[in-house]
N, C-alpha and C. Protein backbone atom coordinates (compact mmCIF):
# COMPACT_ATOMS: atom_id res chain seq x y z
N LEU A 1 32.48 -34.54 77.32
CA LEU A 1 32.34 -34.41 75.88
C LEU A 1 31.57 -35.58 75.29
N LEU A 2 31.68 -36.71 75.92
CA LEU A 2 30.98 -37.89 75.43
C LEU A 2 29.73 -38.14 76.24
N SER A 3 28.69 -38.50 75.56
CA SER A 3 27.50 -38.97 76.27
C SER A 3 27.49 -40.49 76.13
N PRO A 4 26.63 -41.16 76.85
CA PRO A 4 26.62 -42.62 76.77
C PRO A 4 26.45 -43.10 75.33
N ALA A 5 26.97 -44.27 75.08
CA ALA A 5 26.89 -44.84 73.73
C ALA A 5 25.43 -44.96 73.31
N GLY A 6 25.21 -44.62 72.06
CA GLY A 6 23.86 -44.72 71.52
C GLY A 6 23.63 -46.12 70.97
N ALA A 7 22.63 -46.26 70.14
CA ALA A 7 22.32 -47.54 69.53
C ALA A 7 23.54 -48.03 68.76
N GLY A 8 23.87 -49.28 68.92
CA GLY A 8 25.02 -49.84 68.23
C GLY A 8 26.34 -49.54 68.91
N GLY A 9 26.31 -48.87 70.07
CA GLY A 9 27.53 -48.59 70.81
C GLY A 9 28.35 -47.43 70.29
N ALA A 10 27.81 -46.62 69.39
CA ALA A 10 28.57 -45.50 68.82
C ALA A 10 28.70 -44.38 69.84
N ARG A 11 29.87 -43.71 69.84
CA ARG A 11 30.07 -42.56 70.72
C ARG A 11 29.23 -41.40 70.21
N ARG A 12 28.71 -40.62 71.14
CA ARG A 12 27.93 -39.45 70.78
C ARG A 12 28.49 -38.27 71.52
N PHE A 13 28.81 -37.22 70.78
CA PHE A 13 29.35 -36.01 71.36
C PHE A 13 28.22 -35.03 71.66
N VAL A 14 28.35 -34.30 72.75
CA VAL A 14 27.37 -33.30 73.15
C VAL A 14 27.78 -31.96 72.53
N HIS A 15 26.81 -31.23 72.03
CA HIS A 15 27.07 -29.94 71.39
C HIS A 15 26.60 -28.78 72.25
N HIS A 16 27.17 -27.63 71.98
CA HIS A 16 26.86 -26.39 72.69
C HIS A 16 25.35 -26.18 72.80
N SER A 17 24.64 -26.31 71.69
CA SER A 17 23.21 -26.01 71.69
C SER A 17 22.41 -26.95 72.60
N GLU A 18 22.91 -28.15 72.82
CA GLU A 18 22.22 -29.09 73.71
C GLU A 18 22.33 -28.68 75.17
N LEU A 19 23.37 -27.96 75.49
CA LEU A 19 23.62 -27.55 76.87
C LEU A 19 23.22 -26.10 77.16
N HIS A 20 22.94 -25.34 76.12
CA HIS A 20 22.70 -23.91 76.27
C HIS A 20 21.39 -23.49 75.60
N GLU A 21 20.31 -24.19 75.95
CA GLU A 21 18.96 -23.83 75.54
C GLU A 21 18.82 -23.60 74.04
N GLY A 22 19.45 -24.44 73.23
CA GLY A 22 19.32 -24.37 71.79
C GLY A 22 20.15 -23.31 71.10
N LYS A 23 20.92 -22.55 71.86
CA LYS A 23 21.75 -21.47 71.28
C LYS A 23 22.95 -22.10 70.57
N CYS A 24 23.03 -21.90 69.25
CA CYS A 24 24.08 -22.52 68.43
C CYS A 24 25.39 -21.76 68.53
N GLU A 25 26.47 -22.53 68.65
CA GLU A 25 27.81 -21.95 68.70
C GLU A 25 28.52 -22.19 67.37
N VAL A 26 29.10 -21.12 66.84
CA VAL A 26 29.96 -21.19 65.67
C VAL A 26 31.39 -20.97 66.17
N PHE A 27 32.25 -21.94 65.90
CA PHE A 27 33.65 -21.87 66.28
C PHE A 27 34.41 -21.37 65.07
N SER A 28 34.91 -20.14 65.15
CA SER A 28 35.58 -19.50 64.02
C SER A 28 37.10 -19.59 64.21
N ILE A 29 37.75 -20.31 63.28
CA ILE A 29 39.19 -20.50 63.34
C ILE A 29 39.81 -19.74 62.17
N ASP A 30 40.45 -18.61 62.49
CA ASP A 30 41.02 -17.73 61.46
C ASP A 30 42.10 -16.89 62.11
N ASP A 31 43.24 -16.77 61.44
CA ASP A 31 44.36 -16.02 61.99
C ASP A 31 44.23 -14.52 61.80
N ASN A 32 43.22 -14.08 61.06
CA ASN A 32 43.04 -12.66 60.76
C ASN A 32 42.00 -12.06 61.71
N ALA A 33 42.44 -11.12 62.54
CA ALA A 33 41.55 -10.51 63.53
C ALA A 33 40.37 -9.77 62.89
N VAL A 34 40.61 -9.15 61.74
CA VAL A 34 39.52 -8.44 61.06
C VAL A 34 38.46 -9.44 60.59
N ASN A 35 38.90 -10.56 60.04
CA ASN A 35 37.94 -11.59 59.63
C ASN A 35 37.14 -12.09 60.82
N GLN A 36 37.79 -12.24 61.96
CA GLN A 36 37.08 -12.68 63.17
C GLN A 36 36.01 -11.67 63.58
N MET A 37 36.34 -10.38 63.47
CA MET A 37 35.36 -9.34 63.82
C MET A 37 34.18 -9.35 62.85
N VAL A 38 34.44 -9.59 61.57
CA VAL A 38 33.36 -9.66 60.57
C VAL A 38 32.43 -10.83 60.89
N VAL A 39 33.00 -11.99 61.18
CA VAL A 39 32.19 -13.17 61.51
C VAL A 39 31.36 -12.89 62.76
N GLU A 40 31.97 -12.32 63.77
CA GLU A 40 31.25 -11.99 65.01
C GLU A 40 30.09 -11.03 64.73
N ALA A 41 30.36 -9.99 63.98
CA ALA A 41 29.31 -9.00 63.67
C ALA A 41 28.17 -9.62 62.87
N LEU A 42 28.51 -10.46 61.94
CA LEU A 42 27.51 -11.09 61.08
C LEU A 42 26.63 -12.08 61.85
N LEU A 43 27.25 -12.91 62.67
CA LEU A 43 26.52 -14.01 63.29
C LEU A 43 25.90 -13.68 64.64
N ALA A 44 26.53 -12.84 65.43
CA ALA A 44 25.98 -12.50 66.75
C ALA A 44 24.62 -11.84 66.62
N THR A 45 24.44 -11.03 65.60
CA THR A 45 23.14 -10.37 65.41
C THR A 45 22.05 -11.35 65.01
N GLU A 46 22.45 -12.55 64.57
CA GLU A 46 21.49 -13.59 64.20
C GLU A 46 21.27 -14.59 65.34
N GLY A 47 21.84 -14.30 66.52
CA GLY A 47 21.62 -15.14 67.68
C GLY A 47 22.64 -16.25 67.90
N PHE A 48 23.68 -16.30 67.09
CA PHE A 48 24.71 -17.31 67.28
C PHE A 48 25.71 -16.86 68.33
N VAL A 49 26.28 -17.82 69.03
CA VAL A 49 27.42 -17.58 69.90
C VAL A 49 28.65 -17.84 69.04
N VAL A 50 29.56 -16.88 68.97
CA VAL A 50 30.77 -17.03 68.16
C VAL A 50 31.96 -17.14 69.09
N THR A 51 32.70 -18.23 68.93
CA THR A 51 33.92 -18.44 69.71
C THR A 51 35.10 -18.42 68.75
N PRO A 52 36.02 -17.46 68.92
CA PRO A 52 37.16 -17.38 68.00
C PRO A 52 38.37 -18.17 68.49
N ALA A 53 39.14 -18.64 67.51
CA ALA A 53 40.47 -19.19 67.76
C ALA A 53 41.35 -18.64 66.64
N MET A 54 42.55 -18.20 66.98
CA MET A 54 43.41 -17.52 66.01
C MET A 54 44.28 -18.47 65.18
N ASP A 55 44.30 -19.74 65.54
CA ASP A 55 45.05 -20.71 64.73
C ASP A 55 44.62 -22.12 65.11
N GLY A 56 45.13 -23.10 64.36
CA GLY A 56 44.75 -24.49 64.60
C GLY A 56 45.10 -25.02 65.97
N PRO A 57 46.35 -24.84 66.41
CA PRO A 57 46.69 -25.35 67.75
C PRO A 57 45.82 -24.75 68.87
N GLU A 58 45.53 -23.45 68.78
CA GLU A 58 44.66 -22.84 69.79
C GLU A 58 43.27 -23.47 69.75
N ALA A 59 42.75 -23.69 68.55
CA ALA A 59 41.42 -24.30 68.40
C ALA A 59 41.38 -25.70 69.01
N LEU A 60 42.37 -26.50 68.69
CA LEU A 60 42.41 -27.87 69.21
C LEU A 60 42.55 -27.88 70.73
N GLU A 61 43.34 -26.95 71.26
CA GLU A 61 43.50 -26.85 72.71
C GLU A 61 42.19 -26.44 73.38
N LEU A 62 41.50 -25.46 72.80
CA LEU A 62 40.22 -25.02 73.37
C LEU A 62 39.21 -26.17 73.40
N LEU A 63 39.13 -26.91 72.30
CA LEU A 63 38.17 -28.01 72.25
C LEU A 63 38.52 -29.11 73.24
N ALA A 64 39.80 -29.40 73.38
CA ALA A 64 40.23 -30.45 74.30
C ALA A 64 39.89 -30.12 75.76
N GLY A 65 39.81 -28.84 76.07
CA GLY A 65 39.53 -28.41 77.44
C GLY A 65 38.06 -28.22 77.75
N ARG A 66 37.19 -28.54 76.80
CA ARG A 66 35.76 -28.34 77.00
C ARG A 66 35.02 -29.66 77.14
N GLU A 67 33.80 -29.56 77.63
CA GLU A 67 32.98 -30.75 77.80
C GLU A 67 31.91 -30.85 76.72
N TYR A 68 32.01 -30.06 75.68
CA TYR A 68 31.04 -30.07 74.58
C TYR A 68 31.74 -29.57 73.32
N LEU A 69 31.10 -29.80 72.19
CA LEU A 69 31.62 -29.35 70.90
C LEU A 69 30.79 -28.19 70.38
N PRO A 70 31.36 -27.38 69.51
CA PRO A 70 30.56 -26.35 68.86
C PRO A 70 29.56 -27.00 67.91
N ASP A 71 28.56 -26.26 67.52
CA ASP A 71 27.55 -26.78 66.59
C ASP A 71 28.04 -26.76 65.15
N VAL A 72 28.92 -25.82 64.84
CA VAL A 72 29.50 -25.72 63.50
C VAL A 72 30.86 -25.04 63.60
N VAL A 73 31.75 -25.37 62.68
CA VAL A 73 33.09 -24.78 62.64
C VAL A 73 33.25 -24.03 61.33
N LEU A 74 33.72 -22.78 61.41
CA LEU A 74 34.17 -22.02 60.25
C LEU A 74 35.69 -22.04 60.30
N LEU A 75 36.32 -22.59 59.29
CA LEU A 75 37.76 -22.84 59.33
C LEU A 75 38.45 -22.24 58.11
N ASP A 76 39.31 -21.26 58.36
CA ASP A 76 40.07 -20.63 57.29
C ASP A 76 41.06 -21.63 56.70
N CYS A 77 41.15 -21.67 55.38
CA CYS A 77 42.08 -22.59 54.71
C CYS A 77 43.53 -22.15 54.86
N GLU A 78 43.77 -20.86 54.72
CA GLU A 78 45.13 -20.33 54.67
C GLU A 78 45.54 -19.72 55.99
N MET A 79 46.23 -20.51 56.81
CA MET A 79 46.74 -20.00 58.08
C MET A 79 48.21 -20.39 58.19
N PRO A 80 49.01 -19.55 58.82
CA PRO A 80 50.41 -19.92 59.02
C PRO A 80 50.53 -21.06 60.02
N GLY A 81 51.62 -21.77 59.95
CA GLY A 81 51.82 -22.89 60.86
C GLY A 81 50.99 -24.07 60.44
N MET A 82 49.98 -24.38 61.21
CA MET A 82 49.09 -25.50 60.91
C MET A 82 48.03 -25.04 59.92
N HIS A 83 48.12 -25.51 58.70
CA HIS A 83 47.21 -25.13 57.62
C HIS A 83 45.79 -25.58 57.93
N GLY A 84 44.81 -24.89 57.38
CA GLY A 84 43.42 -25.22 57.63
C GLY A 84 43.05 -26.65 57.29
N PHE A 85 43.63 -27.20 56.21
CA PHE A 85 43.33 -28.59 55.84
C PHE A 85 43.85 -29.56 56.90
N GLU A 86 45.00 -29.24 57.49
CA GLU A 86 45.55 -30.08 58.57
C GLU A 86 44.63 -30.03 59.80
N VAL A 87 44.16 -28.82 60.11
CA VAL A 87 43.25 -28.66 61.26
C VAL A 87 41.98 -29.46 61.01
N CYS A 88 41.45 -29.37 59.81
CA CYS A 88 40.23 -30.09 59.45
C CYS A 88 40.43 -31.60 59.63
N ALA A 89 41.51 -32.12 59.10
CA ALA A 89 41.79 -33.55 59.22
C ALA A 89 41.91 -33.97 60.68
N GLU A 90 42.55 -33.13 61.49
CA GLU A 90 42.71 -33.46 62.91
C GLU A 90 41.37 -33.40 63.64
N LEU A 91 40.53 -32.42 63.31
CA LEU A 91 39.19 -32.37 63.90
C LEU A 91 38.40 -33.63 63.56
N ARG A 92 38.50 -34.08 62.32
CA ARG A 92 37.79 -35.29 61.90
C ARG A 92 38.34 -36.53 62.60
N ARG A 93 39.65 -36.55 62.83
CA ARG A 93 40.25 -37.69 63.52
C ARG A 93 39.77 -37.75 64.97
N LEU A 94 39.73 -36.59 65.62
CA LEU A 94 39.35 -36.53 67.03
C LEU A 94 37.84 -36.63 67.25
N TYR A 95 37.08 -36.02 66.36
CA TYR A 95 35.62 -35.92 66.52
C TYR A 95 34.96 -36.33 65.20
N PRO A 96 35.02 -37.58 64.82
CA PRO A 96 34.54 -38.01 63.50
C PRO A 96 33.08 -37.63 63.25
N ALA A 97 32.87 -36.87 62.21
CA ALA A 97 31.53 -36.50 61.73
C ALA A 97 30.63 -35.93 62.83
N SER A 98 31.22 -35.35 63.87
CA SER A 98 30.43 -34.85 65.00
C SER A 98 29.94 -33.44 64.84
N MET A 99 30.53 -32.69 63.92
CA MET A 99 30.12 -31.30 63.73
C MET A 99 30.42 -30.90 62.31
N PRO A 100 29.58 -30.07 61.72
CA PRO A 100 29.84 -29.60 60.37
C PRO A 100 31.07 -28.68 60.36
N ILE A 101 31.92 -28.87 59.37
CA ILE A 101 33.09 -28.01 59.18
C ILE A 101 32.94 -27.32 57.83
N LEU A 102 32.89 -25.99 57.88
CA LEU A 102 32.82 -25.17 56.67
C LEU A 102 34.17 -24.50 56.48
N MET A 103 34.83 -24.83 55.39
CA MET A 103 36.10 -24.19 55.07
C MET A 103 35.81 -22.80 54.50
N VAL A 104 36.64 -21.84 54.86
CA VAL A 104 36.50 -20.46 54.38
C VAL A 104 37.74 -20.16 53.56
N THR A 105 37.54 -19.72 52.32
CA THR A 105 38.68 -19.49 51.44
C THR A 105 38.44 -18.37 50.45
N ALA A 106 39.54 -17.71 50.09
CA ALA A 106 39.50 -16.74 49.00
C ALA A 106 39.92 -17.42 47.70
N ASN A 107 40.49 -18.62 47.81
CA ASN A 107 40.97 -19.38 46.67
C ASN A 107 39.90 -20.40 46.28
N ALA A 108 39.09 -20.06 45.31
CA ALA A 108 37.93 -20.88 44.97
C ALA A 108 38.16 -21.85 43.82
N ASP A 109 39.40 -22.34 43.67
CA ASP A 109 39.62 -23.29 42.57
C ASP A 109 39.27 -24.71 43.00
N ASP A 110 39.07 -25.58 42.02
CA ASP A 110 38.62 -26.94 42.28
C ASP A 110 39.59 -27.72 43.17
N ASP A 111 40.90 -27.53 42.96
CA ASP A 111 41.88 -28.26 43.77
C ASP A 111 41.74 -27.92 45.25
N ASN A 112 41.50 -26.64 45.53
CA ASN A 112 41.32 -26.21 46.91
C ASN A 112 40.08 -26.86 47.53
N PHE A 113 38.99 -26.87 46.79
CA PHE A 113 37.77 -27.50 47.27
C PHE A 113 37.99 -28.99 47.53
N LEU A 114 38.61 -29.66 46.58
CA LEU A 114 38.85 -31.10 46.71
C LEU A 114 39.73 -31.42 47.91
N GLU A 115 40.76 -30.62 48.13
CA GLU A 115 41.64 -30.86 49.28
C GLU A 115 40.86 -30.74 50.59
N GLY A 116 39.99 -29.74 50.67
CA GLY A 116 39.17 -29.58 51.87
C GLY A 116 38.21 -30.73 52.09
N PHE A 117 37.56 -31.17 51.03
CA PHE A 117 36.63 -32.30 51.17
C PHE A 117 37.38 -33.58 51.56
N LYS A 118 38.57 -33.78 51.00
CA LYS A 118 39.38 -34.95 51.38
C LYS A 118 39.78 -34.89 52.84
N ALA A 119 39.98 -33.69 53.37
CA ALA A 119 40.35 -33.53 54.78
C ALA A 119 39.16 -33.72 55.72
N GLY A 120 37.94 -33.69 55.16
CA GLY A 120 36.76 -33.90 55.98
C GLY A 120 35.78 -32.75 56.06
N ALA A 121 36.01 -31.69 55.27
CA ALA A 121 35.08 -30.55 55.29
C ALA A 121 33.73 -30.96 54.73
N ASN A 122 32.69 -30.32 55.24
CA ASN A 122 31.34 -30.56 54.74
C ASN A 122 30.94 -29.59 53.64
N ASP A 123 31.52 -28.38 53.68
CA ASP A 123 31.11 -27.36 52.71
C ASP A 123 32.16 -26.26 52.71
N TYR A 124 31.98 -25.31 51.81
CA TYR A 124 32.87 -24.16 51.66
C TYR A 124 32.07 -22.87 51.67
N VAL A 125 32.72 -21.82 52.15
CA VAL A 125 32.21 -20.45 52.03
C VAL A 125 33.35 -19.65 51.41
N LYS A 126 33.07 -18.97 50.31
CA LYS A 126 34.11 -18.20 49.64
C LYS A 126 34.15 -16.78 50.19
N LYS A 127 35.39 -16.28 50.39
CA LYS A 127 35.59 -14.89 50.80
C LYS A 127 35.66 -14.02 49.55
N PRO A 128 35.17 -12.82 49.62
CA PRO A 128 34.30 -12.32 50.69
C PRO A 128 32.92 -12.96 50.55
N PHE A 129 32.32 -13.31 51.67
CA PHE A 129 31.02 -13.98 51.58
C PHE A 129 29.90 -13.02 51.92
N SER A 130 28.77 -13.29 51.31
CA SER A 130 27.59 -12.47 51.59
C SER A 130 26.94 -12.97 52.88
N ARG A 131 26.26 -12.10 53.53
CA ARG A 131 25.55 -12.45 54.76
C ARG A 131 24.56 -13.58 54.51
N ALA A 132 23.79 -13.45 53.43
CA ALA A 132 22.76 -14.45 53.13
C ALA A 132 23.38 -15.83 52.88
N GLU A 133 24.44 -15.88 52.09
CA GLU A 133 25.09 -17.16 51.79
C GLU A 133 25.66 -17.79 53.05
N ALA A 134 26.35 -17.01 53.83
CA ALA A 134 26.96 -17.53 55.06
C ALA A 134 25.90 -18.11 55.98
N LEU A 135 24.81 -17.39 56.16
CA LEU A 135 23.76 -17.86 57.06
C LEU A 135 23.10 -19.14 56.56
N VAL A 136 22.87 -19.23 55.26
CA VAL A 136 22.27 -20.44 54.71
C VAL A 136 23.19 -21.64 54.91
N ARG A 137 24.47 -21.45 54.66
CA ARG A 137 25.41 -22.57 54.80
C ARG A 137 25.60 -22.97 56.26
N ILE A 138 25.60 -22.01 57.16
CA ILE A 138 25.80 -22.31 58.58
C ILE A 138 24.57 -23.00 59.17
N ARG A 139 23.42 -22.55 58.78
CA ARG A 139 22.18 -23.14 59.34
C ARG A 139 21.96 -24.50 58.76
């Protein structure tokens, strides 16, 4: 997962696209199987590799067992057990600023956005999202 230290001794994480001929991986963390199918249908046709995880613990376990990180994470805010904001904070703790995290939410109020940004999210996608908006934010 780590490549040799770069300039200044900083750790550098290797991403899916670096190991797989530029093919970008979107790691979709959502407890809703229908939402996972929508994300897969939307992104696979655009050439993305979509890897699903049904909750935070599964996502963290999958990442811990790999030798690379996804290129971007789509993370549902509202999940049972480990909430999306908790997952986001843990991803940032383990892999600081190593991959963009896009929170996905149906609750588009300012408090929700602020909580996500405080946890380390880079951006938000509101449900239901349009194909065009999702692609622009992911790219």
